[in-house]
Amino acid sequence: MSKVLSLHHIVFGTKRRIPAIVHAEREHLCRIIWALLKDEKCYLYRINCVPDHVHMLIDLNATKSLSEVVGRIKSKSSNWIKSSGKYPLFDAWCDGYYAESISLAERDAVIDYIKNQQLHHADVGYEAEMKNLYKKAGLIWHDMDLY
């Protein structure tokens, strides 16, 4: 039997960064995404939502493509959000997403980072956060990455 550990820190935001994730309904959205990840046979270590984006750390199922899983999670959660009526400002998720593979040694630090998003965003905006993540990963930031 094959054994694969494929840890990915994934971030995706609302279209045009509209603060559409209602605080009172944040946990419900996280549970919906968790259920969708279970359907994909991916393990969720941690998820957290702030008004305009979602962070999660997953172990990607070895038989799945990251882009396909993220695409299905975004599509299905978007459909659920719109049908729920609980997120009146939500129009859509942005077109893209950010993902980085991480090592087992980094797992606990990333879990803590995701756990503390509300505190983190009291001081740092989404764009500054993403620019920093891109820089640390050696990626080039484009302003269109916000949408």
Protein backbone atom coordinates (compact mmCIF):
# COMPACT_ATOMS: atom_id res chain seq x y z
CA MET A 1 0.00 0.00 0.00
CA SER A 2 1.30 3.46 -0.92
CA LYS A 3 1.68 6.10 1.75
CA VAL A 4 1.79 9.75 0.71
CA LEU A 5 1.86 12.93 2.78
CA SER A 6 1.03 15.95 0.64
CA LEU A 7 0.49 18.98 2.88
CA HIS A 8 -0.80 22.17 1.26
CA HIS A 9 -1.57 25.59 2.72
CA ILE A 10 -4.34 26.98 0.51
CA VAL A 11 -5.81 30.50 0.44
CA PHE A 12 -8.62 31.83 -1.72
CA GLY A 13 -10.65 35.00 -1.43
CA THR A 14 -13.96 36.49 -2.33
CA LYS A 15 -14.36 38.19 -5.69
CA ARG A 16 -13.03 41.78 -5.50
CA ARG A 17 -12.22 41.13 -1.81
CA ILE A 18 -15.75 41.96 -0.72
CA PRO A 19 -16.07 41.20 3.02
CA ALA A 20 -18.88 38.71 2.40
CA ILE A 21 -18.10 35.99 4.93
CA VAL A 22 -20.42 36.89 7.77
CA HIS A 23 -18.76 36.39 11.16
CA ALA A 24 -21.79 34.66 12.70
CA GLU A 25 -21.87 32.15 9.81
CA ARG A 26 -18.10 31.64 9.51
CA GLU A 27 -18.07 28.32 11.38
CA HIS A 28 -20.91 26.95 9.25
CA LEU A 29 -18.98 27.73 6.06
CA CYS A 30 -15.87 26.06 7.48
CA ARG A 31 -17.90 22.92 8.23
CA ILE A 32 -19.29 22.87 4.68
CA ILE A 33 -15.79 23.12 3.21
CA TRP A 34 -14.60 20.40 5.61
CA ALA A 35 -17.40 18.10 4.40
CA LEU A 36 -16.47 18.85 0.77
CA LEU A 37 -12.84 17.98 1.49
CA LYS A 38 -13.95 14.70 3.11
CA ASP A 39 -15.86 13.92 -0.10
CA GLU A 40 -12.59 14.47 -1.97
CA LYS A 41 -10.88 12.10 0.52
CA CYS A 42 -8.55 14.87 1.67
CA TYR A 43 -7.67 15.39 5.33
CA LEU A 44 -8.29 18.85 6.77
CA TYR A 45 -5.85 19.88 9.49
CA ARG A 46 -7.16 23.40 9.95
CA ILE A 47 -9.46 25.93 8.31
CA ASN A 48 -10.32 29.52 9.17
CA CYS A 49 -12.32 32.22 7.43
CA VAL A 50 -12.06 35.98 7.71
CA PRO A 51 -14.49 38.33 5.96
CA ASP A 52 -12.77 38.21 2.57
CA HIS A 53 -10.80 34.95 2.39
CA VAL A 54 -10.28 31.39 3.56
CA HIS A 55 -7.12 29.64 4.75
CA MET A 56 -6.82 25.89 5.08
CA LEU A 57 -4.17 23.24 5.57
CA ILE A 58 -4.94 19.91 3.96
CA ASP A 59 -3.32 16.59 3.22
CA LEU A 60 -4.18 16.13 -0.45
CA ASN A 61 -5.32 12.65 -1.44
CA ALA A 62 -2.60 11.09 -3.60
CA THR A 63 -5.08 10.29 -6.37
CA LYS A 64 -6.31 13.89 -6.66
CA SER A 65 -5.06 16.97 -8.44
CA LEU A 66 -4.71 20.09 -6.27
CA SER A 67 -6.25 22.35 -8.92
CA GLU A 68 -9.24 20.03 -9.39
CA VAL A 69 -9.87 19.72 -5.63
CA VAL A 70 -9.63 23.49 -5.06
CA GLY A 71 -11.84 24.13 -8.09
CA ARG A 72 -14.53 21.75 -6.84
CA ILE A 73 -14.34 23.14 -3.27
CA LYS A 74 -14.73 26.70 -4.56
CA SER A 75 -17.54 25.79 -6.95
CA LYS A 76 -19.57 23.68 -4.53
CA SER A 77 -19.08 26.04 -1.57
CA SER A 78 -20.05 29.00 -3.76
CA ASN A 79 -23.27 27.24 -4.76
CA TRP A 80 -24.00 26.46 -1.09
CA ILE A 81 -23.25 30.04 0.02
CA LYS A 82 -25.58 31.51 -2.60
CA SER A 83 -28.41 29.06 -1.85
CA SER A 84 -28.11 29.52 1.93
CA GLY A 85 -29.10 33.19 1.85
CA LYS A 86 -26.81 33.80 4.86
CA TYR A 87 -24.09 35.69 3.00
CA PRO A 88 -25.89 38.55 1.19
CA LEU A 89 -22.69 40.26 -0.01
CA PHE A 90 -21.21 37.09 -1.52
CA ASP A 91 -21.06 37.10 -5.30
CA ALA A 92 -18.32 34.57 -6.01
CA TRP A 93 -14.84 33.41 -5.08
CA CYS A 94 -11.97 35.08 -6.92
CA ASP A 95 -10.71 33.31 -10.03
CA GLY A 96 -7.48 31.90 -8.63
CA TYR A 97 -6.02 30.66 -5.39
CA TYR A 98 -2.70 30.47 -3.56
CA ALA A 99 -1.24 27.16 -2.48
CA GLU A 100 2.10 26.09 -1.16
CA SER A 101 3.31 22.67 -0.24
CA ILE A 102 4.76 22.51 3.24
CA SER A 103 6.89 20.04 5.14
CA LEU A 104 5.79 18.03 8.15
CA ALA A 105 8.17 20.16 10.24
CA GLU A 106 6.19 23.28 9.24
CA ARG A 107 2.73 21.78 9.88
CA ASP A 108 2.19 23.00 13.47
CA ALA A 109 3.39 26.54 12.66
CA VAL A 110 1.00 26.73 9.69
CA ILE A 111 -1.85 25.39 11.84
CA ASP A 112 -1.16 28.15 14.40
CA TYR A 113 -0.96 30.75 11.62
CA ILE A 114 -4.36 29.67 10.28
CA LYS A 115 -5.88 29.51 13.78
CA ASN A 116 -4.83 33.10 14.48
CA GLN A 117 -6.14 34.74 11.31
CA GLN A 118 -8.53 37.10 13.11
CA LEU A 119 -5.70 38.38 15.29
CA HIS A 120 -3.28 38.52 12.35
CA HIS A 121 -5.69 40.59 10.25
CA ALA A 122 -6.17 43.17 12.98
CA ASP A 123 -2.71 44.44 11.92
CA VAL A 124 -2.14 43.12 8.39
CA GLY A 125 -4.46 43.44 5.40
CA TYR A 126 -5.10 40.69 2.89
CA GLU A 127 -2.90 42.19 0.14
CA ALA A 128 0.08 42.63 2.47
CA GLU A 129 -0.39 39.08 3.77
CA MET A 130 -0.49 37.62 0.26
CA LYS A 131 2.51 39.64 -0.92
CA ASN A 132 4.46 38.27 2.04
CA LEU A 133 3.38 34.67 1.32
CA TYR A 134 4.33 35.08 -2.35
CA LYS A 135 7.72 36.54 -1.43
CA LYS A 136 8.49 33.73 1.03
CA ALA A 137 7.55 31.17 -1.64
CA GLY A 138 9.68 32.89 -4.30
CA LEU A 139 6.62 33.81 -6.39
CA ILE A 140 5.98 37.06 -8.23
CA TRP A 141 2.99 39.11 -7.10
CA HIS A 142 0.69 40.68 -9.69
CA ASP A 143 -2.02 43.14 -8.67
CA MET A 144 -4.54 41.06 -10.66
CA ASP A 145 -3.94 38.23 -8.14
CA LEU A 146 -6.40 40.08 -5.89
CA TYR A 147 -9.31 39.26 -8.16
